[in-house]
Amino acid sequence: MDSEKVSFEQIMRKEYEHKDFERTLNYMIDARYYGESNLIELDLYNIGIAHIYIIDLHGNVTNYTITDTNTYTHVTLSTEFTNGNFYVVVDSEYVYAEGYVHI
């Protein structure tokens, strides 16, 4: 199955209130889009509780999940209602990232 790597245009570490709980710089946000099956797979690690959104070009959330990434986490979401053009947003306790997929 062919896939396309999703590039995140913006990855920003967030400031957080509890300075006694320091995160290392070792974290992962990686995504691949499978156009034939309308799926996006994300591999996430060490960014805290993450809210993951698939957003169409009209700003509508077409898919959404929440996951804990304190251990390696693999997430698969459907992109069926996006026609291959959508944003992927990862909004977690420690990192905010967004990418755009255009087919």
C-alpha atoms as a PDB file:
ATOM      1  CA  MET A   1       0.000   0.000   0.000  1.00  0.00           C
ATOM      2  CA  ASP A   2       1.492   3.358  -1.063  1.00  0.00           C
ATOM      3  CA  SER A   3       1.707   6.117   1.495  1.00  0.00           C
ATOM      4  CA  GLU A   4       2.681   9.751   1.654  1.00  0.00           C
ATOM      5  CA  LYS A   5       4.591  11.221   4.592  1.00  0.00           C
ATOM      6  CA  VAL A   6       2.756  14.142   6.169  1.00  0.00           C
ATOM      7  CA  SER A   7       4.959  17.149   6.843  1.00  0.00           C
ATOM      8  CA  PHE A   8       4.037  19.232   9.835  1.00  0.00           C
ATOM      9  CA  GLU A   9       4.452  22.903   8.966  1.00  0.00           C
ATOM     10  CA  GLN A  10       4.302  23.980  12.573  1.00  0.00           C
ATOM     11  CA  ILE A  11       5.570  22.148  15.607  1.00  0.00           C
ATOM     12  CA  MET A  12       5.701  24.244  18.719  1.00  0.00           C
ATOM     13  CA  ARG A  13       6.552  23.228  22.251  1.00  0.00           C
ATOM     14  CA  LYS A  14       4.090  24.651  24.746  1.00  0.00           C
ATOM     15  CA  GLU A  15       4.947  26.287  28.008  1.00  0.00           C
ATOM     16  CA  TYR A  16       3.408  24.379  30.851  1.00  0.00           C
ATOM     17  CA  GLU A  17       2.601  25.248  34.427  1.00  0.00           C
ATOM     18  CA  HIS A  18       4.238  22.386  36.294  1.00  0.00           C
ATOM     19  CA  LYS A  19       7.947  23.088  35.931  1.00  0.00           C
ATOM     20  CA  ASP A  20       8.812  20.275  38.362  1.00  0.00           C
ATOM     21  CA  PHE A  21       7.737  17.768  35.695  1.00  0.00           C
ATOM     22  CA  GLU A  22      10.278  18.335  32.932  1.00  0.00           C
ATOM     23  CA  ARG A  23       9.947  16.646  29.561  1.00  0.00           C
ATOM     24  CA  THR A  24      13.059  15.779  27.653  1.00  0.00           C
ATOM     25  CA  LEU A  25      13.460  16.886  24.075  1.00  0.00           C
ATOM     26  CA  ASN A  26      12.844  13.280  23.014  1.00  0.00           C
ATOM     27  CA  TYR A  27       9.382  13.189  21.531  1.00  0.00           C
ATOM     28  CA  MET A  28       7.842  11.977  18.292  1.00  0.00           C
ATOM     29  CA  ILE A  29       5.090  13.141  15.955  1.00  0.00           C
ATOM     30  CA  ASP A  30       5.109  11.228  12.691  1.00  0.00           C
ATOM     31  CA  ALA A  31       2.257  10.711  10.231  1.00  0.00           C
ATOM     32  CA  ARG A  32       1.628   8.865   6.963  1.00  0.00           C
ATOM     33  CA  TYR A  33      -1.389   9.211   4.681  1.00  0.00           C
ATOM     34  CA  TYR A  34      -2.751   6.217   2.741  1.00  0.00           C
ATOM     35  CA  GLY A  35      -4.868   7.678  -0.055  1.00  0.00           C
ATOM     36  CA  GLU A  36      -6.177   4.376  -1.424  1.00  0.00           C
ATOM     37  CA  SER A  37      -7.751   3.459   1.904  1.00  0.00           C
ATOM     38  CA  ASN A  38      -8.468   7.020   3.141  1.00  0.00           C
ATOM     39  CA  LEU A  39      -6.494   6.488   6.345  1.00  0.00           C
ATOM     40  CA  ILE A  40      -3.906   8.472   8.221  1.00  0.00           C
ATOM     41  CA  GLU A  41      -1.598   6.770  10.695  1.00  0.00           C
ATOM     42  CA  LEU A  42       0.207   8.703  13.408  1.00  0.00           C
ATOM     43  CA  ASP A  43       3.029   7.580  15.661  1.00  0.00           C
ATOM     44  CA  LEU A  44       3.251   9.671  18.813  1.00  0.00           C
ATOM     45  CA  TYR A  45       5.483   9.574  21.862  1.00  0.00           C
ATOM     46  CA  ASN A  46       6.137  11.664  24.964  1.00  0.00           C
ATOM     47  CA  ILE A  47       3.857  14.637  24.259  1.00  0.00           C
ATOM     48  CA  GLY A  48       1.292  13.976  27.021  1.00  0.00           C
ATOM     49  CA  ILE A  49      -2.443  13.674  26.431  1.00  0.00           C
ATOM     50  CA  ALA A  50      -2.963  14.441  22.724  1.00  0.00           C
ATOM     51  CA  HIS A  51      -6.082  15.590  20.917  1.00  0.00           C
ATOM     52  CA  ILE A  52      -5.825  14.647  17.236  1.00  0.00           C
ATOM     53  CA  TYR A  53      -8.096  16.299  14.688  1.00  0.00           C
ATOM     54  CA  ILE A  54      -8.725  15.763  10.978  1.00  0.00           C
ATOM     55  CA  ILE A  55     -10.110  19.058   9.647  1.00  0.00           C
ATOM     56  CA  ASP A  56     -11.476  19.567   6.125  1.00  0.00           C
ATOM     57  CA  LEU A  57     -10.896  22.689   4.027  1.00  0.00           C
ATOM     58  CA  HIS A  58     -14.106  24.249   5.358  1.00  0.00           C
ATOM     59  CA  GLY A  59     -12.884  24.032   8.946  1.00  0.00           C
ATOM     60  CA  ASN A  60     -15.107  21.098   9.889  1.00  0.00           C
ATOM     61  CA  VAL A  61     -13.702  18.410  12.176  1.00  0.00           C
ATOM     62  CA  THR A  62     -14.273  15.151  10.285  1.00  0.00           C
ATOM     63  CA  ASN A  63     -12.496  12.855  12.738  1.00  0.00           C
ATOM     64  CA  TYR A  64     -11.112  13.205  16.242  1.00  0.00           C
ATOM     65  CA  THR A  65      -9.525  11.167  19.011  1.00  0.00           C
ATOM     66  CA  ILE A  66      -7.752  11.618  22.330  1.00  0.00           C
ATOM     67  CA  THR A  67      -4.794   9.471  23.346  1.00  0.00           C
ATOM     68  CA  ASP A  68      -2.132   9.289  26.043  1.00  0.00           C
ATOM     69  CA  THR A  69       1.362   9.310  24.540  1.00  0.00           C
ATOM     70  CA  ASN A  70       3.499   8.622  27.600  1.00  0.00           C
ATOM     71  CA  THR A  71       4.323   5.336  25.878  1.00  0.00           C
ATOM     72  CA  TYR A  72       4.684   4.816  22.133  1.00  0.00           C
ATOM     73  CA  THR A  73       1.217   5.247  20.602  1.00  0.00           C
ATOM     74  CA  HIS A  74      -0.020   4.346  17.126  1.00  0.00           C
ATOM     75  CA  VAL A  75      -3.277   5.993  16.001  1.00  0.00           C
ATOM     76  CA  THR A  76      -5.243   5.364  12.791  1.00  0.00           C
ATOM     77  CA  LEU A  77      -7.978   7.762  11.687  1.00  0.00           C
ATOM     78  CA  SER A  78     -10.275   7.752   8.673  1.00  0.00           C
ATOM     79  CA  THR A  79     -10.054  10.645   6.231  1.00  0.00           C
ATOM     80  CA  GLU A  80     -13.009   9.407   4.185  1.00  0.00           C
ATOM     81  CA  PHE A  81     -14.920  12.712   4.217  1.00  0.00           C
ATOM     82  CA  THR A  82     -12.015  14.998   3.215  1.00  0.00           C
ATOM     83  CA  ASN A  83     -11.492  14.191  -0.492  1.00  0.00           C
ATOM     84  CA  GLY A  84      -7.744  13.996   0.105  1.00  0.00           C
ATOM     85  CA  ASN A  85      -7.371  17.633   1.199  1.00  0.00           C
ATOM     86  CA  PHE A  86      -7.258  18.193   4.932  1.00  0.00           C
ATOM     87  CA  TYR A  87      -5.347  19.402   7.951  1.00  0.00           C
ATOM     88  CA  VAL A  88      -3.961  17.154  10.677  1.00  0.00           C
ATOM     89  CA  VAL A  89      -3.769  18.869  14.050  1.00  0.00           C
ATOM     90  CA  VAL A  90      -2.052  17.377  17.090  1.00  0.00           C
ATOM     91  CA  ASP A  91      -2.768  19.444  20.179  1.00  0.00           C
ATOM     92  CA  SER A  92      -1.189  17.989  23.287  1.00  0.00           C
ATOM     93  CA  GLU A  93      -0.135  19.098  26.726  1.00  0.00           C
ATOM     94  CA  TYR A  94       3.397  19.842  25.548  1.00  0.00           C
ATOM     95  CA  VAL A  95       3.369  20.224  21.749  1.00  0.00           C
ATOM     96  CA  TYR A  96       1.119  21.734  19.090  1.00  0.00           C
ATOM     97  CA  ALA A  97       1.595  20.567  15.489  1.00  0.00           C
ATOM     98  CA  GLU A  98      -0.343  20.975  12.275  1.00  0.00           C
ATOM     99  CA  GLY A  99       0.168  19.590   8.805  1.00  0.00           C
ATOM    100  CA  TYR A 100      -1.655  19.807   5.503  1.00  0.00           C
ATOM    101  CA  VAL A 101      -2.364  16.970   3.081  1.00  0.00           C
ATOM    102  CA  HIS A 102      -3.196  17.865  -0.508  1.00  0.00           C
ATOM    103  CA  ILE A 103      -3.728  15.126  -3.063  1.00  0.00           C
END
